[in-house]
Amino acid sequence: METRKSKRSLRLALVLGAAVAGTALVGWGGLAAWQAYTQNSGNAFAVGTLTHTNQVGAGVACNSTLSAVSPGACSVIVSGPALTSEFTGTSGTVTITNTGSLSSTFSMSMPAAPSNTELCKDLTLTVKDAESPAVTVYPQAALTAQMAPTALNNQAGASTWATNDSNTFTFSIGTTNGFANDDGVLGAGCSFTILFTQASA
């Protein structure tokens, strides 16, 4: 009788122990399935744009390129295809506008010296901007030397151009005192290229 009782007690204890163990396992599994989240999306990087337009007079603007310069892509600023001895000068304007999203600086230069002919010696170049009053950007000089990079300001006179900042530059070609009497200019030519360079500020 005692033996049966103790066997029953043992069985009951084992059953209860198994039940408790099972409950613990179920409880542990249930806790592992509970989860909470937060998410910080959209972590990304992008580079702003560095672009500008170059518009001669009231003509159609040409757009900048990032590396190679496209010869002849933009209009001629100033020219005189058939000068006479009465010629005293002419001028043309070009408007530069920062169309990119980055603040930038601008400069102008002549990539190469003008063709060194008799005519170049008798012509002069002066560049002024449209600030009020106008500022001389490039003082009068004979068209015989290469123009080094020359810094350009926006219309407010600042060297750093924000998006949509612009300025208009007047290129004036004049003559030296000896032009009208210089027979060496007959049949001669003189040409030059102006390069506008934009750099991130």
C-alpha atoms as a PDB file:
ATOM      1  CA  MET A   1       0.000   0.000   0.000  1.00  0.00           C
ATOM      2  CA  GLU A   2       2.803   2.418   0.929  1.00  0.00           C
ATOM      3  CA  THR A   3       4.700   1.445  -2.174  1.00  0.00           C
ATOM      4  CA  ARG A   4       1.683   2.141  -4.442  1.00  0.00           C
ATOM      5  CA  LYS A   5       1.155   5.525  -2.784  1.00  0.00           C
ATOM      6  CA  SER A   6       4.771   6.564  -3.193  1.00  0.00           C
ATOM      7  CA  LYS A   7       4.728   5.399  -6.862  1.00  0.00           C
ATOM      8  CA  ARG A   8       1.587   7.481  -7.458  1.00  0.00           C
ATOM      9  CA  SER A   9       3.175  10.480  -5.716  1.00  0.00           C
ATOM     10  CA  LEU A  10       6.288  10.066  -7.848  1.00  0.00           C
ATOM     11  CA  ARG A  11       4.213   9.841 -11.055  1.00  0.00           C
ATOM     12  CA  LEU A  12       2.228  12.927 -10.052  1.00  0.00           C
ATOM     13  CA  ALA A  13       5.415  14.838  -9.255  1.00  0.00           C
ATOM     14  CA  LEU A  14       6.870  13.865 -12.655  1.00  0.00           C
ATOM     15  CA  VAL A  15       3.682  14.888 -14.477  1.00  0.00           C
ATOM     16  CA  LEU A  16       3.565  18.226 -12.624  1.00  0.00           C
ATOM     17  CA  GLY A  17       7.278  18.776 -13.287  1.00  0.00           C
ATOM     18  CA  ALA A  18       6.799  18.071 -16.979  1.00  0.00           C
ATOM     19  CA  ALA A  19       3.824  20.448 -17.093  1.00  0.00           C
ATOM     20  CA  VAL A  20       5.810  23.199 -15.377  1.00  0.00           C
ATOM     21  CA  ALA A  21       8.760  22.610 -17.723  1.00  0.00           C
ATOM     22  CA  GLY A  22       6.445  22.727 -20.744  1.00  0.00           C
ATOM     23  CA  THR A  23       4.882  25.962 -19.548  1.00  0.00           C
ATOM     24  CA  ALA A  24       8.336  27.472 -19.095  1.00  0.00           C
ATOM     25  CA  LEU A  25       9.339  26.470 -22.614  1.00  0.00           C
ATOM     26  CA  VAL A  26       6.102  27.834 -24.095  1.00  0.00           C
ATOM     27  CA  GLY A  27       6.568  31.060 -22.112  1.00  0.00           C
ATOM     28  CA  TRP A  28      10.183  31.442 -23.329  1.00  0.00           C
ATOM     29  CA  GLY A  29       9.162  30.875 -26.934  1.00  0.00           C
ATOM     30  CA  GLY A  30       6.366  33.408 -26.614  1.00  0.00           C
ATOM     31  CA  LEU A  31       8.741  36.092 -25.299  1.00  0.00           C
ATOM     32  CA  ALA A  32      11.178  35.485 -28.164  1.00  0.00           C
ATOM     33  CA  ALA A  33       8.419  36.182 -30.703  1.00  0.00           C
ATOM     34  CA  TRP A  34       7.660  39.640 -29.286  1.00  0.00           C
ATOM     35  CA  GLN A  35       9.626  42.314 -31.122  1.00  0.00           C
ATOM     36  CA  ALA A  36       9.632  46.111 -31.560  1.00  0.00           C
ATOM     37  CA  TYR A  37      11.187  48.204 -34.304  1.00  0.00           C
ATOM     38  CA  THR A  38      12.215  51.710 -35.285  1.00  0.00           C
ATOM     39  CA  GLN A  39      13.683  52.551 -38.686  1.00  0.00           C
ATOM     40  CA  ASN A  40      15.790  55.488 -39.880  1.00  0.00           C
ATOM     41  CA  SER A  41      15.439  55.388 -43.649  1.00  0.00           C
ATOM     42  CA  GLY A  42      16.779  57.442 -46.501  1.00  0.00           C
ATOM     43  CA  ASN A  43      20.377  57.863 -45.341  1.00  0.00           C
ATOM     44  CA  ALA A  44      21.988  58.994 -48.596  1.00  0.00           C
ATOM     45  CA  PHE A  45      24.449  61.399 -50.181  1.00  0.00           C
ATOM     46  CA  ALA A  46      24.339  63.469 -53.362  1.00  0.00           C
ATOM     47  CA  VAL A  47      26.605  66.004 -55.057  1.00  0.00           C
ATOM     48  CA  GLY A  48      25.291  69.406 -56.077  1.00  0.00           C
ATOM     49  CA  THR A  49      25.501  70.708 -59.637  1.00  0.00           C
ATOM     50  CA  LEU A  50      28.105  73.053 -61.098  1.00  0.00           C
ATOM     51  CA  THR A  51      26.681  74.676 -64.247  1.00  0.00           C
ATOM     52  CA  HIS A  52      26.390  78.087 -65.847  1.00  0.00           C
ATOM     53  CA  THR A  53      25.052  79.752 -68.962  1.00  0.00           C
ATOM     54  CA  ASN A  54      26.870  82.099 -71.318  1.00  0.00           C
ATOM     55  CA  GLN A  55      24.622  84.471 -73.273  1.00  0.00           C
ATOM     56  CA  VAL A  56      25.926  86.972 -75.797  1.00  0.00           C
ATOM     57  CA  GLY A  57      23.725  90.069 -76.097  1.00  0.00           C
ATOM     58  CA  ALA A  58      20.071  89.098 -76.503  1.00  0.00           C
ATOM     59  CA  GLY A  59      20.982  85.821 -78.203  1.00  0.00           C
ATOM     60  CA  VAL A  60      20.458  82.240 -77.148  1.00  0.00           C
ATOM     61  CA  ALA A  61      22.455  81.149 -74.094  1.00  0.00           C
ATOM     62  CA  CYS A  62      24.900  78.288 -74.355  1.00  0.00           C
ATOM     63  CA  ASN A  63      25.465  75.879 -71.451  1.00  0.00           C
ATOM     64  CA  SER A  64      28.674  74.969 -69.664  1.00  0.00           C
ATOM     65  CA  THR A  65      30.410  71.622 -70.026  1.00  0.00           C
ATOM     66  CA  LEU A  66      32.123  69.770 -67.189  1.00  0.00           C
ATOM     67  CA  SER A  67      35.387  68.854 -68.886  1.00  0.00           C
ATOM     68  CA  ALA A  68      36.177  69.328 -72.548  1.00  0.00           C
ATOM     69  CA  VAL A  69      35.459  72.762 -73.971  1.00  0.00           C
ATOM     70  CA  SER A  70      33.356  72.637 -77.121  1.00  0.00           C
ATOM     71  CA  PRO A  71      34.937  75.019 -79.661  1.00  0.00           C
ATOM     72  CA  GLY A  72      32.423  77.304 -81.294  1.00  0.00           C
ATOM     73  CA  ALA A  73      29.606  76.261 -78.948  1.00  0.00           C
ATOM     74  CA  CYS A  74      28.958  79.819 -77.770  1.00  0.00           C
ATOM     75  CA  SER A  75      28.362  82.963 -79.821  1.00  0.00           C
ATOM     76  CA  VAL A  76      31.072  85.484 -80.752  1.00  0.00           C
ATOM     77  CA  ILE A  77      31.150  88.326 -78.200  1.00  0.00           C
ATOM     78  CA  VAL A  78      32.660  91.007 -80.420  1.00  0.00           C
ATOM     79  CA  SER A  79      33.913  91.119 -84.006  1.00  0.00           C
ATOM     80  CA  GLY A  80      34.709  93.410 -86.921  1.00  0.00           C
ATOM     81  CA  PRO A  81      34.982  91.466 -90.169  1.00  0.00           C
ATOM     82  CA  ALA A  82      35.844  94.401 -92.456  1.00  0.00           C
ATOM     83  CA  LEU A  83      37.599  97.226 -90.638  1.00  0.00           C
ATOM     84  CA  THR A  84      38.394 100.528 -92.320  1.00  0.00           C
ATOM     85  CA  SER A  85      40.842 103.273 -91.411  1.00  0.00           C
ATOM     86  CA  GLU A  86      37.925 105.121 -89.768  1.00  0.00           C
ATOM     87  CA  PHE A  87      37.328 102.277 -87.316  1.00  0.00           C
ATOM     88  CA  THR A  88      37.655 103.496 -83.718  1.00  0.00           C
ATOM     89  CA  GLY A  89      36.181 100.613 -81.792  1.00  0.00           C
ATOM     90  CA  THR A  90      33.251  98.329 -81.057  1.00  0.00           C
ATOM     91  CA  SER A  91      31.875  96.387 -78.119  1.00  0.00           C
ATOM     92  CA  GLY A  92      29.761  93.386 -77.207  1.00  0.00           C
ATOM     93  CA  THR A  93      28.303  91.937 -74.021  1.00  0.00           C
ATOM     94  CA  VAL A  94      28.163  88.484 -72.493  1.00  0.00           C
ATOM     95  CA  THR A  95      26.072  87.516 -69.450  1.00  0.00           C
ATOM     96  CA  ILE A  96      27.244  84.718 -67.180  1.00  0.00           C
ATOM     97  CA  THR A  97      24.657  83.120 -64.854  1.00  0.00           C
ATOM     98  CA  ASN A  98      25.262  80.489 -62.195  1.00  0.00           C
ATOM     99  CA  THR A  99      22.553  77.906 -62.914  1.00  0.00           C
ATOM    100  CA  GLY A 100      23.993  75.206 -60.628  1.00  0.00           C
ATOM    101  CA  SER A 101      23.079  74.407 -57.038  1.00  0.00           C
ATOM    102  CA  LEU A 102      26.615  74.994 -55.706  1.00  0.00           C
ATOM    103  CA  SER A 103      28.121  78.332 -54.778  1.00  0.00           C
ATOM    104  CA  SER A 104      31.008  79.005 -57.111  1.00  0.00           C
ATOM    105  CA  THR A 105      33.639  81.407 -58.376  1.00  0.00           C
ATOM    106  CA  PHE A 106      34.233  82.529 -61.949  1.00  0.00           C
ATOM    107  CA  SER A 107      37.230  83.654 -63.935  1.00  0.00           C
ATOM    108  CA  MET A 108      37.946  84.526 -67.550  1.00  0.00           C
ATOM    109  CA  SER A 109      41.100  84.016 -69.551  1.00  0.00           C
ATOM    110  CA  MET A 110      42.546  83.598 -73.026  1.00  0.00           C
ATOM    111  CA  PRO A 111      43.693  79.984 -73.382  1.00  0.00           C
ATOM    112  CA  ALA A 112      46.244  81.192 -75.945  1.00  0.00           C
ATOM    113  CA  ALA A 113      47.670  84.531 -76.980  1.00  0.00           C
ATOM    114  CA  PRO A 114      45.926  86.228 -79.916  1.00  0.00           C
ATOM    115  CA  SER A 115      47.492  85.679 -83.321  1.00  0.00           C
ATOM    116  CA  ASN A 116      50.445  88.053 -83.159  1.00  0.00           C
ATOM    117  CA  THR A 117      49.953  90.097 -86.308  1.00  0.00           C
ATOM    118  CA  GLU A 118      50.318  93.789 -87.028  1.00  0.00           C
ATOM    119  CA  LEU A 119      46.582  94.229 -86.482  1.00  0.00           C
ATOM    120  CA  CYS A 120      46.682  92.759 -82.950  1.00  0.00           C
ATOM    121  CA  LYS A 121      49.313  95.340 -82.009  1.00  0.00           C
ATOM    122  CA  ASP A 122      46.981  98.132 -83.103  1.00  0.00           C
ATOM    123  CA  LEU A 123      43.895  96.843 -81.263  1.00  0.00           C
ATOM    124  CA  THR A 124      43.163  97.062 -77.546  1.00  0.00           C
ATOM    125  CA  LEU A 125      40.797  95.155 -75.254  1.00  0.00           C
ATOM    126  CA  THR A 126      39.005  96.469 -72.168  1.00  0.00           C
ATOM    127  CA  VAL A 127      36.469  94.512 -70.091  1.00  0.00           C
ATOM    128  CA  LYS A 128      34.003  96.096 -67.665  1.00  0.00           C
ATOM    129  CA  ASP A 129      31.149  94.578 -65.686  1.00  0.00           C
ATOM    130  CA  ALA A 130      27.569  95.707 -65.077  1.00  0.00           C
ATOM    131  CA  GLU A 131      27.958  96.730 -61.462  1.00  0.00           C
ATOM    132  CA  SER A 132      26.832 100.234 -60.619  1.00  0.00           C
ATOM    133  CA  PRO A 133      29.122 102.017 -61.171  1.00  0.00           C
ATOM    134  CA  ALA A 134      30.796  99.734 -63.716  1.00  0.00           C
ATOM    135  CA  VAL A 135      34.027  98.108 -62.588  1.00  0.00           C
ATOM    136  CA  THR A 136      36.948  97.598 -64.947  1.00  0.00           C
ATOM    137  CA  VAL A 137      37.687  93.886 -64.819  1.00  0.00           C
ATOM    138  CA  TYR A 138      40.449  93.908 -67.425  1.00  0.00           C
ATOM    139  CA  PRO A 139      42.145  97.268 -68.048  1.00  0.00           C
ATOM    140  CA  GLN A 140      42.859  98.382 -71.588  1.00  0.00           C
ATOM    141  CA  ALA A 141      45.683  96.346 -73.082  1.00  0.00           C
ATOM    142  CA  ALA A 142      46.983  95.637 -76.558  1.00  0.00           C
ATOM    143  CA  LEU A 143      45.793  92.352 -78.066  1.00  0.00           C
ATOM    144  CA  THR A 144      49.268  90.898 -78.204  1.00  0.00           C
ATOM    145  CA  ALA A 145      49.473  88.949 -74.952  1.00  0.00           C
ATOM    146  CA  GLN A 146      47.653  86.028 -73.389  1.00  0.00           C
ATOM    147  CA  MET A 147      45.131  87.034 -70.686  1.00  0.00           C
ATOM    148  CA  ALA A 148      45.889  85.285 -67.392  1.00  0.00           C
ATOM    149  CA  PRO A 149      42.927  83.952 -65.365  1.00  0.00           C
ATOM    150  CA  THR A 150      41.073  87.035 -64.121  1.00  0.00           C
ATOM    151  CA  ALA A 151      38.574  86.743 -61.246  1.00  0.00           C
ATOM    152  CA  LEU A 152      35.008  87.853 -61.907  1.00  0.00           C
ATOM    153  CA  ASN A 153      32.461  89.133 -59.390  1.00  0.00           C
ATOM    154  CA  ASN A 154      28.683  88.812 -59.554  1.00  0.00           C
ATOM    155  CA  GLN A 155      26.514  91.887 -60.117  1.00  0.00           C
ATOM    156  CA  ALA A 156      26.487  92.632 -56.387  1.00  0.00           C
ATOM    157  CA  GLY A 157      30.294  92.752 -56.372  1.00  0.00           C
ATOM    158  CA  ALA A 158      30.787  89.465 -54.519  1.00  0.00           C
ATOM    159  CA  SER A 159      33.453  86.982 -55.589  1.00  0.00           C
ATOM    160  CA  THR A 160      31.299  83.997 -54.557  1.00  0.00           C
ATOM    161  CA  TRP A 161      28.285  83.443 -56.794  1.00  0.00           C
ATOM    162  CA  ALA A 162      25.155  81.799 -55.361  1.00  0.00           C
ATOM    163  CA  THR A 163      22.581  80.004 -57.494  1.00  0.00           C
ATOM    164  CA  ASN A 164      21.010  82.377 -60.064  1.00  0.00           C
ATOM    165  CA  ASP A 165      23.655  85.074 -59.508  1.00  0.00           C
ATOM    166  CA  SER A 166      24.752  86.689 -62.755  1.00  0.00           C
ATOM    167  CA  ASN A 167      26.698  89.558 -64.229  1.00  0.00           C
ATOM    168  CA  THR A 168      27.087  91.098 -67.665  1.00  0.00           C
ATOM    169  CA  PHE A 169      30.532  91.893 -69.023  1.00  0.00           C
ATOM    170  CA  THR A 170      31.225  94.388 -71.809  1.00  0.00           C
ATOM    171  CA  PHE A 171      34.175  93.610 -74.092  1.00  0.00           C
ATOM    172  CA  SER A 172      35.362  96.783 -75.822  1.00  0.00           C
ATOM    173  CA  ILE A 173      37.797  96.720 -78.719  1.00  0.00           C
ATOM    174  CA  GLY A 174      39.598  99.990 -79.379  1.00  0.00           C
ATOM    175  CA  THR A 175      42.475 101.152 -81.557  1.00  0.00           C
ATOM    176  CA  THR A 176      45.876 102.619 -80.834  1.00  0.00           C
ATOM    177  CA  ASN A 177      46.883 106.029 -82.177  1.00  0.00           C
ATOM    178  CA  GLY A 178      48.810 104.501 -85.059  1.00  0.00           C
ATOM    179  CA  PHE A 179      46.060 102.229 -86.398  1.00  0.00           C
ATOM    180  CA  ALA A 180      44.739 104.527 -89.144  1.00  0.00           C
ATOM    181  CA  ASN A 181      48.228 105.110 -90.558  1.00  0.00           C
ATOM    182  CA  ASP A 182      49.562 101.559 -90.285  1.00  0.00           C
ATOM    183  CA  ASP A 183      49.700 100.032 -93.770  1.00  0.00           C
ATOM    184  CA  GLY A 184      50.823  96.777 -92.167  1.00  0.00           C
ATOM    185  CA  VAL A 185      47.268  96.022 -91.026  1.00  0.00           C
ATOM    186  CA  LEU A 186      45.999  95.713 -94.600  1.00  0.00           C
ATOM    187  CA  GLY A 187      44.893  92.122 -95.175  1.00  0.00           C
ATOM    188  CA  ALA A 188      45.872  91.166 -91.585  1.00  0.00           C
ATOM    189  CA  GLY A 189      43.662  89.436 -89.052  1.00  0.00           C
ATOM    190  CA  CYS A 190      43.510  89.184 -85.284  1.00  0.00           C
ATOM    191  CA  SER A 191      41.434  86.672 -83.357  1.00  0.00           C
ATOM    192  CA  PHE A 192      41.209  85.553 -79.740  1.00  0.00           C
ATOM    193  CA  THR A 193      39.189  83.190 -77.550  1.00  0.00           C
ATOM    194  CA  ILE A 194      37.702  83.991 -74.154  1.00  0.00           C
ATOM    195  CA  LEU A 195      37.301  81.100 -71.727  1.00  0.00           C
ATOM    196  CA  PHE A 196      34.973  81.418 -68.715  1.00  0.00           C
ATOM    197  CA  THR A 197      35.860  78.996 -65.923  1.00  0.00           C
ATOM    198  CA  GLN A 198      33.560  78.090 -63.015  1.00  0.00           C
ATOM    199  CA  ALA A 199      34.859  76.439 -59.852  1.00  0.00           C
ATOM    200  CA  SER A 200      33.052  75.349 -56.690  1.00  0.00           C
ATOM    201  CA  ALA A 201      33.551  77.852 -53.861  1.00  0.00           C
END
